Amino acid sequence: MNWLKLVLGLLLLVVAARQWRSRPKEGDTPAVPKWMDTIDSFTAAKSAGTAFLLAGINPKNLLLVIGGATAIAQTEISGGEQVVALVVFIVIASAGVATPLVIFFAMGDRAATTLERLKNWMAKENAVIMAVLCLIIGVKLIGDAISGFSA
């Protein structure tokens, strides 16, 4: 299992470096995929399907989920505590999706402006956000692997 953690950690560091290098330069407008321009007109079902596909086939997301699940599975805590850790992981991992939803329902008609600003900020800073997440989890997995090898 230590080899898996090491490989996942190294892959996440590679992804972090690529994300960091791909961030838009000051004053540049980040490239937005064509499908994202049509997202505002999605139905609820199409939004859910798109979210499922993006979460399930995105290599960055898969590495993060596998890394998180591996870290939880390797702890020496009980099954119930692992379930709690998994729930916490899911809540934190879902925050990016849940935050706009909470804003929408909490603010009602006033949410449009806030959500538009949030969407623009996240589009601009996406590479940095992903680089930091991948870096943190990658370093954690590598540290766990090294600790496991030396035990």
Protein backbone atom coordinates (compact mmCIF):
# COMPACT_ATOMS: atom_id res chain seq x y z
CA MET A 1 0.00 0.00 0.00
CA ASN A 2 2.96 2.31 0.60
CA TRP A 3 3.93 2.02 -3.05
CA LEU A 4 0.40 3.04 -4.07
CA LYS A 5 0.55 6.08 -1.80
CA LEU A 6 3.96 7.02 -3.19
CA VAL A 7 2.83 6.69 -6.81
CA LEU A 8 -0.42 8.60 -6.16
CA GLY A 9 1.49 11.30 -4.29
CA LEU A 10 4.00 11.69 -7.11
CA LEU A 11 1.21 11.79 -9.70
CA LEU A 12 -0.53 14.50 -7.69
CA LEU A 13 2.70 16.52 -7.57
CA VAL A 14 2.95 16.25 -11.37
CA VAL A 15 -0.67 17.40 -11.69
CA ALA A 16 0.02 20.27 -9.25
CA ALA A 17 3.03 21.41 -11.29
CA ARG A 18 1.05 21.26 -14.55
CA GLN A 19 -1.83 23.19 -13.01
CA TRP A 20 0.51 25.84 -11.65
CA ARG A 21 2.24 26.29 -15.01
CA SER A 22 -1.12 26.48 -16.83
CA ARG A 23 -2.51 29.31 -14.70
CA PRO A 24 -3.40 32.45 -16.67
CA LYS A 25 -0.89 35.27 -16.62
CA GLU A 26 -1.83 38.62 -15.07
CA GLY A 27 -4.41 40.30 -17.28
CA ASP A 28 -5.13 37.17 -19.35
CA THR A 29 -8.65 35.85 -19.55
CA PRO A 30 -8.72 32.15 -18.66
CA ALA A 31 -9.91 29.79 -21.37
CA VAL A 32 -13.35 28.47 -20.51
CA PRO A 33 -14.53 25.21 -22.11
CA LYS A 34 -17.41 25.64 -24.58
CA TRP A 35 -19.76 23.50 -22.49
CA MET A 36 -19.24 25.88 -19.57
CA ASP A 37 -20.69 28.77 -21.61
CA THR A 38 -23.96 26.83 -21.87
CA ILE A 39 -24.10 25.73 -18.23
CA ASP A 40 -26.46 28.55 -17.21
CA SER A 41 -29.18 27.05 -19.42
CA PHE A 42 -28.85 23.45 -18.11
CA THR A 43 -31.87 21.74 -16.62
CA ALA A 44 -31.55 20.16 -13.18
CA ALA A 45 -31.19 16.69 -14.71
CA LYS A 46 -28.56 17.83 -17.21
CA SER A 47 -26.67 19.61 -14.41
CA ALA A 48 -26.68 16.48 -12.25
CA GLY A 49 -25.53 14.31 -15.15
CA THR A 50 -22.77 16.74 -16.07
CA ALA A 51 -21.61 16.93 -12.46
CA PHE A 52 -21.51 13.14 -12.22
CA LEU A 53 -19.52 12.82 -15.44
CA LEU A 54 -17.08 15.58 -14.54
CA ALA A 55 -16.49 14.15 -11.09
CA GLY A 56 -16.20 10.59 -12.33
CA ILE A 57 -13.96 10.97 -15.37
CA ASN A 58 -11.74 13.88 -14.37
CA PRO A 59 -8.26 12.42 -13.65
CA LYS A 60 -7.51 15.13 -11.08
CA ASN A 61 -10.66 14.28 -9.16
CA LEU A 62 -10.00 10.56 -9.38
CA LEU A 63 -6.47 11.01 -7.99
CA LEU A 64 -7.76 13.18 -5.16
CA VAL A 65 -10.53 10.72 -4.25
CA ILE A 66 -8.25 7.68 -4.44
CA GLY A 67 -5.62 9.51 -2.42
CA GLY A 68 -8.12 10.53 0.25
CA ALA A 69 -9.66 7.07 0.43
CA THR A 70 -6.23 5.47 0.65
CA ALA A 71 -5.19 7.78 3.47
CA ILE A 72 -8.38 6.99 5.40
CA ALA A 73 -8.11 3.25 4.77
CA GLN A 74 -4.54 3.15 6.10
CA THR A 75 -5.39 4.71 9.44
CA GLU A 76 -5.52 2.48 12.47
CA ILE A 77 -8.95 3.69 13.51
CA SER A 78 -12.11 1.63 13.81
CA GLY A 79 -14.52 1.11 10.94
CA GLY A 80 -16.98 3.58 12.44
CA GLU A 81 -14.28 6.23 12.75
CA GLN A 82 -13.25 5.58 9.15
CA VAL A 83 -16.85 6.18 8.09
CA VAL A 84 -16.82 9.49 9.98
CA ALA A 85 -13.51 10.41 8.29
CA LEU A 86 -15.02 9.51 4.90
CA VAL A 87 -18.09 11.65 5.57
CA VAL A 88 -15.85 14.60 6.56
CA PHE A 89 -13.79 14.04 3.38
CA ILE A 90 -16.96 14.00 1.26
CA VAL A 91 -18.31 17.17 2.90
CA ILE A 92 -15.03 19.02 2.33
CA ALA A 93 -14.68 17.67 -1.21
CA SER A 94 -18.26 18.73 -1.97
CA ALA A 95 -17.84 22.27 -0.65
CA GLY A 96 -17.06 23.61 -4.12
CA VAL A 97 -20.36 22.29 -5.43
CA ALA A 98 -22.40 22.91 -2.30
CA THR A 99 -21.36 26.54 -1.76
CA PRO A 100 -23.10 27.93 -4.87
CA LEU A 101 -26.17 25.83 -4.07
CA VAL A 102 -26.34 27.20 -0.52
CA ILE A 103 -25.85 30.77 -1.85
CA PHE A 104 -28.63 30.25 -4.39
CA PHE A 105 -31.15 29.03 -1.83
CA ALA A 106 -30.10 31.39 0.96
CA MET A 107 -30.02 34.59 -1.10
CA GLY A 108 -32.81 33.93 -3.59
CA ASP A 109 -32.99 36.61 -6.30
CA ARG A 110 -29.95 38.42 -4.88
CA ALA A 111 -27.76 35.37 -5.52
CA ALA A 112 -27.24 36.00 -9.25
CA THR A 113 -24.65 38.75 -8.81
CA THR A 114 -22.75 36.88 -6.10
CA LEU A 115 -22.76 33.64 -8.07
CA GLU A 116 -21.56 35.42 -11.22
CA ARG A 117 -18.63 36.94 -9.28
CA LEU A 118 -17.86 33.56 -7.72
CA LYS A 119 -17.99 31.85 -11.12
CA ASN A 120 -15.61 34.41 -12.63
CA TRP A 121 -13.20 34.18 -9.68
CA MET A 122 -13.17 30.38 -9.76
CA ALA A 123 -12.62 30.33 -13.52
CA LYS A 124 -9.68 32.71 -13.13
CA GLU A 125 -8.15 30.92 -10.12
CA ASN A 126 -9.04 27.32 -11.01
CA ALA A 127 -5.46 26.32 -11.87
CA VAL A 128 -4.13 27.73 -8.60
CA ILE A 129 -6.90 26.11 -6.52
CA MET A 130 -6.28 22.70 -8.11
CA ALA A 131 -2.49 23.08 -7.83
CA VAL A 132 -2.70 23.77 -4.11
CA LEU A 133 -5.11 20.89 -3.46
CA CYS A 134 -3.02 18.43 -5.44
CA LEU A 135 0.18 19.65 -3.78
CA ILE A 136 -1.18 19.28 -0.24
CA ILE A 137 -2.66 15.83 -0.77
CA GLY A 138 0.35 14.67 -2.82
CA VAL A 139 2.82 15.72 -0.12
CA LYS A 140 0.65 14.03 2.53
CA LEU A 141 0.57 10.77 0.58
CA ILE A 142 4.32 10.83 -0.05
CA GLY A 143 4.96 11.51 3.64
CA ASP A 144 2.70 8.63 4.61
CA ALA A 145 4.48 6.33 2.14
CA ILE A 146 7.92 7.28 3.45
CA SER A 147 6.73 6.73 7.04
CA GLY A 148 5.33 3.35 6.03
CA PHE A 149 8.57 2.28 4.36
CA SER A 150 10.61 3.19 7.41
CA ALA A 151 8.32 1.37 9.87
